[in-house]
Amino acid sequence: MKNLNKIILIASLVCLVVLSYFYFNYTKKTEEASADPFKQSLDKPITNTQANTQKPEKLCGDGICDEKEKADQNLCPTDCKSINKTVSQSGVLKDLPYASVSSAQKLDLYLPKNVSGKIPVIIQIHGGGFEAGDKSPALYSNEFLQNGYAVAAINYRLSKEVKYPAANQDVKSAVRWLRANADKYNLDSNKFGAIGGSAGGYFVSFLGTTGDTKDFDVGDNLNYSSSVQAVIDQFGPVNFSTIGKDRAEIGSSEDVENGYLGCLTTSSDCAKLAAKASPVNYISKNDAAFFIIHGEKDDQIPIKQSNEFYSLLKNAGVPVEITRLPNAGHGGAEFNDYVDEYITFFDKYLKK
């Protein structure tokens, strides 16, 4: 009898401990959920009946809150930025994937407010010697937005990840993706401009001269064009076949394009690749309009590259203008002083 009483006592104690454990955890989760209802919506499993109405991957993921999402703060909270990096309060759609080969293949899309009709697009491509750089911050985005443009800032695969022609293919993939999604974001697929400096200047010049070739169009959305209608090239290298010689003339030892091509541009083994990678070799009368700006004291990309590019474009009948800055080097604040000229140029070709 005594043993039976002991067994009953032990069983009672075990039950009490178990019940206390579950009560404590239930109380704790209830308090956490009350303090942070949005966290509760993320942690809570989706049942079959919820699956058709609640889609966590769309928590402001498209950057556009419809009426149902606005009414439900769990689906579209006031502060999206702290929960989902896809969108911020400034109207920027962050890290939109335009391809799926690499995590680098993403873009940020800035959309202007209170604009009626289709929106012309300015594509911004960052520099960084083909081996560094990032799409953020997007230079001149505020000025372009205020003048009614959408801005697409692009990341691409860097030379440390993969060599030419990967990044060339990436920037063209991004342009095709933007056209494929033009209706979704109310973009004007016929009015695409591009701006970039240094390596970014190379890529926008490449876009501007290869609109009528399909050699670099690979991947998705191949039924859409990768052409652009207007380009601002800020001190970009455009002729890899001669850049080594051009640098030697000014005493520069810079050679970043070698890292991207994977060969020495001055060697005979690299000649064919250097020529194929150079925007100057794709020039035709159907190219985008060009605005070229370059510093005369640039010791990394000799201004001779831009001077010859200008002449070749002009001789081909391409609308082109060039601005030479006597005291500017490779980039700098002097180039930011021309933002009004940049807008005037884009207005001429993207708003006519």
Protein backbone atom coordinates (compact mmCIF):
# COMPACT_ATOMS: atom_id res chain seq x y z
CA MET A 1 0.00 0.00 0.00
CA LYS A 2 2.83 2.34 0.86
CA ASN A 3 4.45 1.68 -2.52
CA LEU A 4 1.19 2.47 -4.28
CA ASN A 5 0.93 5.78 -2.44
CA LYS A 6 4.50 6.62 -3.44
CA ILE A 7 3.75 5.86 -7.08
CA ILE A 8 0.65 8.05 -6.99
CA LEU A 9 2.60 10.88 -5.38
CA ILE A 10 5.42 10.72 -7.95
CA ALA A 11 2.94 10.61 -10.84
CA SER A 12 1.13 13.65 -9.45
CA LEU A 13 4.40 15.59 -9.20
CA VAL A 14 5.35 14.69 -12.79
CA CYS A 15 1.96 15.84 -14.06
CA LEU A 16 2.31 19.09 -12.13
CA VAL A 17 5.76 19.78 -13.63
CA VAL A 18 4.54 19.04 -17.18
CA LEU A 19 1.47 21.25 -16.82
CA SER A 20 3.58 24.08 -15.38
CA TYR A 21 6.00 23.82 -18.33
CA PHE A 22 3.26 24.08 -20.95
CA TYR A 23 1.49 26.89 -19.08
CA PHE A 24 4.71 28.90 -18.80
CA ASN A 25 5.54 28.58 -22.52
CA TYR A 26 1.98 29.36 -23.60
CA THR A 27 1.97 32.51 -21.45
CA LYS A 28 5.35 33.60 -22.81
CA LYS A 29 4.33 33.16 -26.47
CA THR A 30 1.06 34.99 -25.86
CA GLU A 31 2.92 37.95 -24.35
CA GLU A 32 5.40 38.00 -27.26
CA ALA A 33 2.62 37.86 -29.81
CA SER A 34 0.77 40.72 -28.12
CA ALA A 35 3.92 42.83 -28.17
CA ASP A 36 4.75 42.03 -31.79
CA PRO A 37 1.75 40.86 -33.83
CA PHE A 38 3.70 40.97 -37.07
CA LYS A 39 6.29 38.55 -35.68
CA GLN A 40 3.43 36.28 -34.71
CA SER A 41 2.21 36.27 -38.33
CA LEU A 42 5.67 35.25 -39.52
CA ASP A 43 6.11 32.49 -36.95
CA LYS A 44 2.62 31.05 -37.28
CA PRO A 45 2.37 28.12 -39.71
CA ILE A 46 0.11 28.64 -42.73
CA THR A 47 -2.83 26.30 -42.81
CA ASN A 48 -4.45 25.04 -45.99
CA THR A 49 -7.32 27.49 -45.59
CA GLN A 50 -4.87 30.37 -45.24
CA ALA A 51 -2.64 29.42 -48.16
CA ASN A 52 -4.78 31.18 -50.77
CA THR A 53 -4.92 34.48 -48.93
CA GLN A 54 -1.69 34.82 -46.94
CA LYS A 55 1.58 34.58 -48.87
CA PRO A 56 4.61 35.48 -46.72
CA GLU A 57 6.88 35.75 -49.75
CA LYS A 58 4.73 38.69 -50.91
CA LEU A 59 5.09 40.76 -47.73
CA CYS A 60 5.48 43.98 -49.69
CA GLY A 61 7.72 41.92 -51.94
CA ASP A 62 6.40 43.56 -55.08
CA GLY A 63 6.71 46.98 -53.49
CA ILE A 64 3.10 47.80 -54.29
CA CYS A 65 0.48 47.40 -51.56
CA ASP A 66 -2.96 46.72 -52.93
CA GLU A 67 -6.09 47.63 -50.98
CA LYS A 68 -6.30 44.26 -49.22
CA GLU A 69 -2.66 44.44 -48.15
CA LYS A 70 -3.12 47.99 -46.86
CA ALA A 71 -6.05 46.87 -44.75
CA ASP A 72 -4.03 44.06 -43.16
CA GLN A 73 -0.90 45.34 -41.45
CA ASN A 74 0.37 41.78 -41.11
CA LEU A 75 0.57 41.55 -44.90
CA CYS A 76 1.78 45.06 -45.58
CA PRO A 77 3.15 46.73 -42.42
CA THR A 78 3.76 50.45 -42.29
CA ASP A 79 7.51 49.92 -41.94
CA CYS A 80 8.37 47.32 -44.58
CA LYS A 81 12.07 48.05 -44.51
CA SER A 82 12.70 46.46 -41.11
CA ILE A 83 10.86 43.29 -42.10
CA ASN A 84 11.59 42.82 -45.80
CA LYS A 85 14.53 44.35 -47.66
CA THR A 86 12.63 44.30 -50.93
CA VAL A 87 11.01 47.69 -50.40
CA SER A 88 11.60 50.83 -48.34
CA GLN A 89 9.51 53.84 -47.58
CA SER A 90 11.20 55.86 -50.34
CA GLY A 91 9.45 53.93 -53.13
CA VAL A 92 12.49 51.81 -53.95
CA LEU A 93 12.12 48.15 -54.85
CA LYS A 94 15.30 46.55 -53.56
CA ASP A 95 17.18 43.50 -54.79
CA LEU A 96 14.86 42.41 -57.58
CA PRO A 97 16.43 39.37 -59.29
CA TYR A 98 16.67 39.75 -63.06
CA ALA A 99 18.37 36.37 -63.54
CA SER A 100 19.02 33.28 -61.42
CA VAL A 101 22.59 32.21 -62.17
CA SER A 102 24.21 34.30 -59.40
CA SER A 103 23.14 36.21 -56.31
CA ALA A 104 24.82 39.25 -57.90
CA GLN A 105 22.16 39.45 -60.61
CA LYS A 106 19.85 41.91 -58.88
CA LEU A 107 18.68 45.46 -59.41
CA ASP A 108 17.05 48.24 -57.39
CA LEU A 109 14.10 49.96 -59.05
CA TYR A 110 13.28 53.53 -58.02
CA LEU A 111 9.81 54.69 -59.04
CA PRO A 112 8.76 58.36 -59.14
CA LYS A 113 5.58 59.49 -57.43
CA ASN A 114 2.61 61.25 -59.00
CA VAL A 115 3.59 60.51 -62.59
CA SER A 116 0.85 59.85 -65.11
CA GLY A 117 1.37 57.65 -68.15
CA LYS A 118 4.25 55.33 -68.92
CA ILE A 119 7.51 56.16 -67.15
CA PRO A 120 10.83 56.46 -69.03
CA VAL A 121 13.67 54.53 -67.41
CA ILE A 122 17.28 55.44 -66.66
CA ILE A 123 19.51 52.42 -66.06
CA GLN A 124 22.48 53.11 -63.82
CA ILE A 125 25.51 50.83 -63.88
CA HIS A 126 28.19 51.25 -61.22
CA GLY A 127 31.94 51.30 -61.78
CA GLY A 128 34.70 49.69 -59.74
CA GLY A 129 37.32 48.37 -62.15
CA PHE A 130 35.13 45.39 -63.07
CA GLU A 131 36.04 43.81 -59.72
CA ALA A 132 34.25 45.93 -57.10
CA GLY A 133 31.35 48.34 -56.58
CA ASP A 134 27.66 48.13 -55.84
CA LYS A 135 24.34 49.43 -57.18
CA SER A 136 23.71 51.38 -53.99
CA PRO A 137 23.70 54.30 -53.63
CA ALA A 138 22.28 55.12 -57.05
CA LEU A 139 23.89 58.39 -58.17
CA TYR A 140 21.56 61.17 -59.31
CA SER A 141 18.50 59.05 -58.47
CA ASN A 142 16.78 61.89 -56.61
CA GLU A 143 17.29 64.30 -59.49
CA PHE A 144 16.07 61.78 -62.05
CA LEU A 145 13.03 60.85 -59.93
CA GLN A 146 12.10 64.50 -59.49
CA ASN A 147 12.10 64.84 -63.27
CA GLY A 148 9.74 61.94 -63.82
CA TYR A 149 12.17 59.09 -64.50
CA ALA A 150 12.30 55.62 -63.01
CA VAL A 151 15.84 54.54 -62.11
CA ALA A 152 17.09 50.95 -62.31
CA ALA A 153 20.44 50.49 -60.55
CA ILE A 154 22.07 47.23 -61.59
CA ASN A 155 24.52 44.84 -59.99
CA TYR A 156 26.39 42.39 -62.17
CA ARG A 157 28.84 39.54 -61.73
CA LEU A 158 32.28 40.94 -60.92
CA SER A 159 35.56 39.70 -62.39
CA LYS A 160 36.46 37.99 -59.11
CA GLU A 161 33.47 35.71 -59.64
CA VAL A 162 33.63 35.15 -63.39
CA LYS A 163 35.38 36.66 -66.42
CA TYR A 164 34.14 38.24 -69.65
CA PRO A 165 31.53 38.07 -71.14
CA ALA A 166 29.49 37.33 -68.00
CA ALA A 167 28.90 40.93 -66.90
CA ASN A 168 28.11 42.01 -70.47
CA GLN A 169 25.46 39.29 -70.57
CA ASP A 170 24.19 40.40 -67.16
CA VAL A 171 23.54 44.03 -68.07
CA LYS A 172 21.68 42.96 -71.20
CA SER A 173 19.67 40.46 -69.14
CA ALA A 174 18.70 43.27 -66.77
CA VAL A 175 17.47 45.42 -69.66
CA ARG A 176 15.38 42.55 -71.03
CA TRP A 177 13.94 41.88 -67.56
CA LEU A 178 12.91 45.51 -67.23
CA ARG A 179 11.10 45.33 -70.57
CA ALA A 180 9.45 42.04 -69.66
CA ASN A 181 8.13 43.67 -66.47
CA ALA A 182 7.39 47.09 -67.93
CA ASP A 183 3.61 46.77 -67.63
CA LYS A 184 3.86 45.65 -64.00
CA TYR A 185 5.76 48.79 -63.00
CA ASN A 186 4.22 51.14 -65.62
CA LEU A 187 7.54 51.62 -67.43
CA ASP A 188 7.86 52.89 -70.99
CA SER A 189 9.65 50.02 -72.73
CA ASN A 190 10.49 52.26 -75.68
CA LYS A 191 12.29 54.90 -73.60
CA PHE A 192 15.31 53.36 -71.88
CA GLY A 193 18.41 55.41 -71.08
CA ALA A 194 21.64 54.35 -69.37
CA ILE A 195 24.35 56.12 -67.36
CA GLY A 196 27.56 54.87 -65.82
CA GLY A 197 31.10 55.89 -64.92
CA SER A 198 34.42 54.10 -65.51
CA ALA A 199 33.60 50.36 -65.79
CA GLY A 200 29.96 51.45 -65.67
CA GLY A 201 30.71 53.78 -68.58
CA TYR A 202 32.04 50.78 -70.48
CA PHE A 203 28.87 48.77 -69.86
CA VAL A 204 26.45 51.56 -70.83
CA SER A 205 28.51 52.20 -73.98
CA PHE A 206 28.32 48.49 -74.70
CA LEU A 207 24.53 48.60 -74.31
CA GLY A 208 24.33 51.64 -76.56
CA THR A 209 26.27 50.05 -79.41
CA THR A 210 25.06 46.42 -79.30
CA GLY A 211 21.32 46.91 -79.54
CA ASP A 212 21.22 45.26 -82.94
CA THR A 213 23.36 42.23 -82.07
CA LYS A 214 22.20 39.10 -80.25
CA ASP A 215 25.65 37.70 -79.44
CA PHE A 216 25.38 38.60 -75.77
CA ASP A 217 21.70 37.87 -75.22
CA VAL A 218 21.53 34.69 -73.15
CA GLY A 219 19.21 33.49 -70.41
CA ASP A 220 15.61 34.58 -69.87
CA ASN A 221 13.25 36.99 -71.66
CA LEU A 222 14.99 36.52 -75.00
CA ASN A 223 11.91 37.73 -76.85
CA TYR A 224 12.57 41.22 -75.46
CA SER A 225 15.14 43.71 -76.72
CA SER A 226 18.26 44.62 -74.73
CA SER A 227 18.70 47.93 -76.55
CA VAL A 228 18.67 51.40 -74.99
CA GLN A 229 17.84 54.72 -76.63
CA ALA A 230 20.21 57.15 -74.89
CA VAL A 231 23.56 56.74 -73.10
CA ILE A 232 25.67 58.93 -70.83
CA ASP A 233 29.21 57.56 -70.80
CA GLN A 234 31.32 58.99 -67.98
CA PHE A 235 35.00 58.28 -68.72
CA GLY A 236 34.47 54.65 -69.67
CA PRO A 237 37.03 52.48 -71.50
CA VAL A 238 35.64 51.63 -74.93
CA ASN A 239 38.55 50.13 -76.87
CA PHE A 240 40.42 47.33 -75.14
CA SER A 241 42.62 46.78 -78.20
CA THR A 242 44.32 50.16 -77.81
CA ILE A 243 43.93 51.00 -74.13
CA GLY A 244 47.30 49.56 -73.16
CA LYS A 245 49.05 51.75 -75.72
CA ASP A 246 46.92 54.77 -74.76
CA ARG A 247 47.92 54.36 -71.13
CA ALA A 248 51.58 54.04 -72.00
CA GLU A 249 51.38 57.42 -73.72
CA ILE A 250 50.32 59.09 -70.46
CA GLY A 251 52.56 56.99 -68.21
CA SER A 252 49.76 55.02 -66.56
CA SER A 253 50.18 51.42 -65.38
CA GLU A 254 46.47 50.76 -64.76
CA ASP A 255 45.29 47.45 -66.21
CA VAL A 256 41.94 46.51 -64.64
CA GLU A 257 40.48 45.29 -67.92
CA ASN A 258 43.07 42.51 -67.98
CA GLY A 259 41.47 41.06 -64.87
CA TYR A 260 38.06 41.12 -66.49
CA LEU A 261 39.13 39.64 -69.82
CA GLY A 262 41.47 37.13 -68.21
CA CYS A 263 44.34 38.05 -70.53
CA LEU A 264 46.75 40.89 -71.27
CA THR A 265 45.22 43.27 -73.79
CA THR A 266 48.69 44.08 -75.07
CA SER A 267 49.42 40.44 -75.98
CA SER A 268 48.66 38.89 -79.37
CA ASP A 269 46.85 36.01 -77.65
CA CYS A 270 44.31 38.49 -76.30
CA ALA A 271 43.76 40.48 -79.50
CA LYS A 272 40.62 38.73 -80.70
CA LEU A 273 38.98 38.76 -77.26
CA ALA A 274 39.86 42.42 -76.66
CA ALA A 275 38.34 43.40 -79.99
CA LYS A 276 35.12 41.46 -79.37
CA ALA A 277 34.72 43.08 -75.95
CA SER A 278 35.18 46.65 -77.23
CA PRO A 279 32.09 48.85 -77.81
CA VAL A 280 33.88 50.72 -80.63
CA ASN A 281 33.63 47.62 -82.80
CA TYR A 282 29.83 47.54 -82.74
CA ILE A 283 29.12 51.10 -83.82
CA SER A 284 26.36 51.57 -86.39
CA LYS A 285 23.98 54.36 -87.41
CA ASN A 286 21.23 52.66 -85.36
CA ASP A 287 23.04 53.11 -82.05
CA ALA A 288 21.66 55.00 -79.07
CA ALA A 289 22.31 58.73 -78.77
CA PHE A 290 25.46 59.41 -76.73
CA PHE A 291 26.60 62.04 -74.25
CA ILE A 292 30.28 61.51 -73.38
CA ILE A 293 32.00 63.30 -70.51
CA HIS A 294 35.67 62.83 -69.59
CA GLY A 295 38.36 64.55 -67.55
CA GLU A 296 41.45 65.63 -69.45
CA LYS A 297 43.65 64.74 -66.46
CA ASP A 298 42.29 61.19 -66.14
CA ASP A 299 45.29 58.94 -65.41
CA GLN A 300 43.31 55.67 -65.43
CA ILE A 301 41.20 55.84 -68.58
CA PRO A 302 42.98 58.15 -71.07
CA ILE A 303 40.67 60.75 -72.60
CA LYS A 304 41.96 59.56 -75.97
CA GLN A 305 39.52 56.65 -75.62
CA SER A 306 36.55 59.03 -75.45
CA ASN A 307 37.87 61.33 -78.17
CA GLU A 308 38.16 58.47 -80.65
CA PHE A 309 34.80 57.04 -79.57
CA TYR A 310 33.18 60.40 -80.21
CA SER A 311 34.70 60.63 -83.70
CA LEU A 312 33.66 57.10 -84.64
CA LEU A 313 30.09 57.64 -83.45
CA LYS A 314 29.81 60.96 -85.24
CA ASN A 315 31.18 59.52 -88.50
CA ALA A 316 28.60 56.73 -88.29
CA GLY A 317 25.77 59.26 -88.05
CA VAL A 318 24.98 58.61 -84.38
CA PRO A 319 23.74 61.63 -82.38
CA VAL A 320 26.66 62.32 -80.03
CA GLU A 321 28.09 65.13 -77.95
CA ILE A 322 31.17 65.30 -75.78
CA THR A 323 32.16 67.40 -72.78
CA ARG A 324 35.84 67.56 -71.82
CA LEU A 325 36.69 68.77 -68.31
CA PRO A 326 40.15 70.41 -68.35
CA ASN A 327 40.92 69.98 -64.64
CA ALA A 328 39.11 66.72 -63.86
CA GLY A 329 40.72 63.36 -63.29
CA HIS A 330 39.10 59.94 -63.08
CA GLY A 331 35.75 60.90 -61.59
CA GLY A 332 35.16 63.48 -58.89
CA ALA A 333 32.69 66.16 -57.89
CA GLU A 334 33.13 68.00 -61.20
CA PHE A 335 31.01 65.35 -62.92
CA ASN A 336 28.16 65.84 -60.46
CA ASP A 337 27.97 69.50 -61.48
CA TYR A 338 26.61 68.39 -64.85
CA VAL A 339 23.47 66.68 -63.58
CA ASP A 340 21.28 69.34 -65.22
CA GLU A 341 22.97 68.61 -68.55
CA TYR A 342 22.40 64.89 -68.00
CA ILE A 343 18.68 65.49 -67.46
CA THR A 344 18.47 67.79 -70.49
CA PHE A 345 20.11 65.09 -72.62
CA PHE A 346 17.78 62.35 -71.42
CA ASP A 347 14.75 64.62 -71.85
CA LYS A 348 15.73 65.19 -75.47
CA TYR A 349 15.74 61.51 -76.35
CA LEU A 350 13.44 59.88 -73.81
CA LYS A 351 10.61 62.40 -73.59
CA LYS A 352 10.16 63.43 -77.19
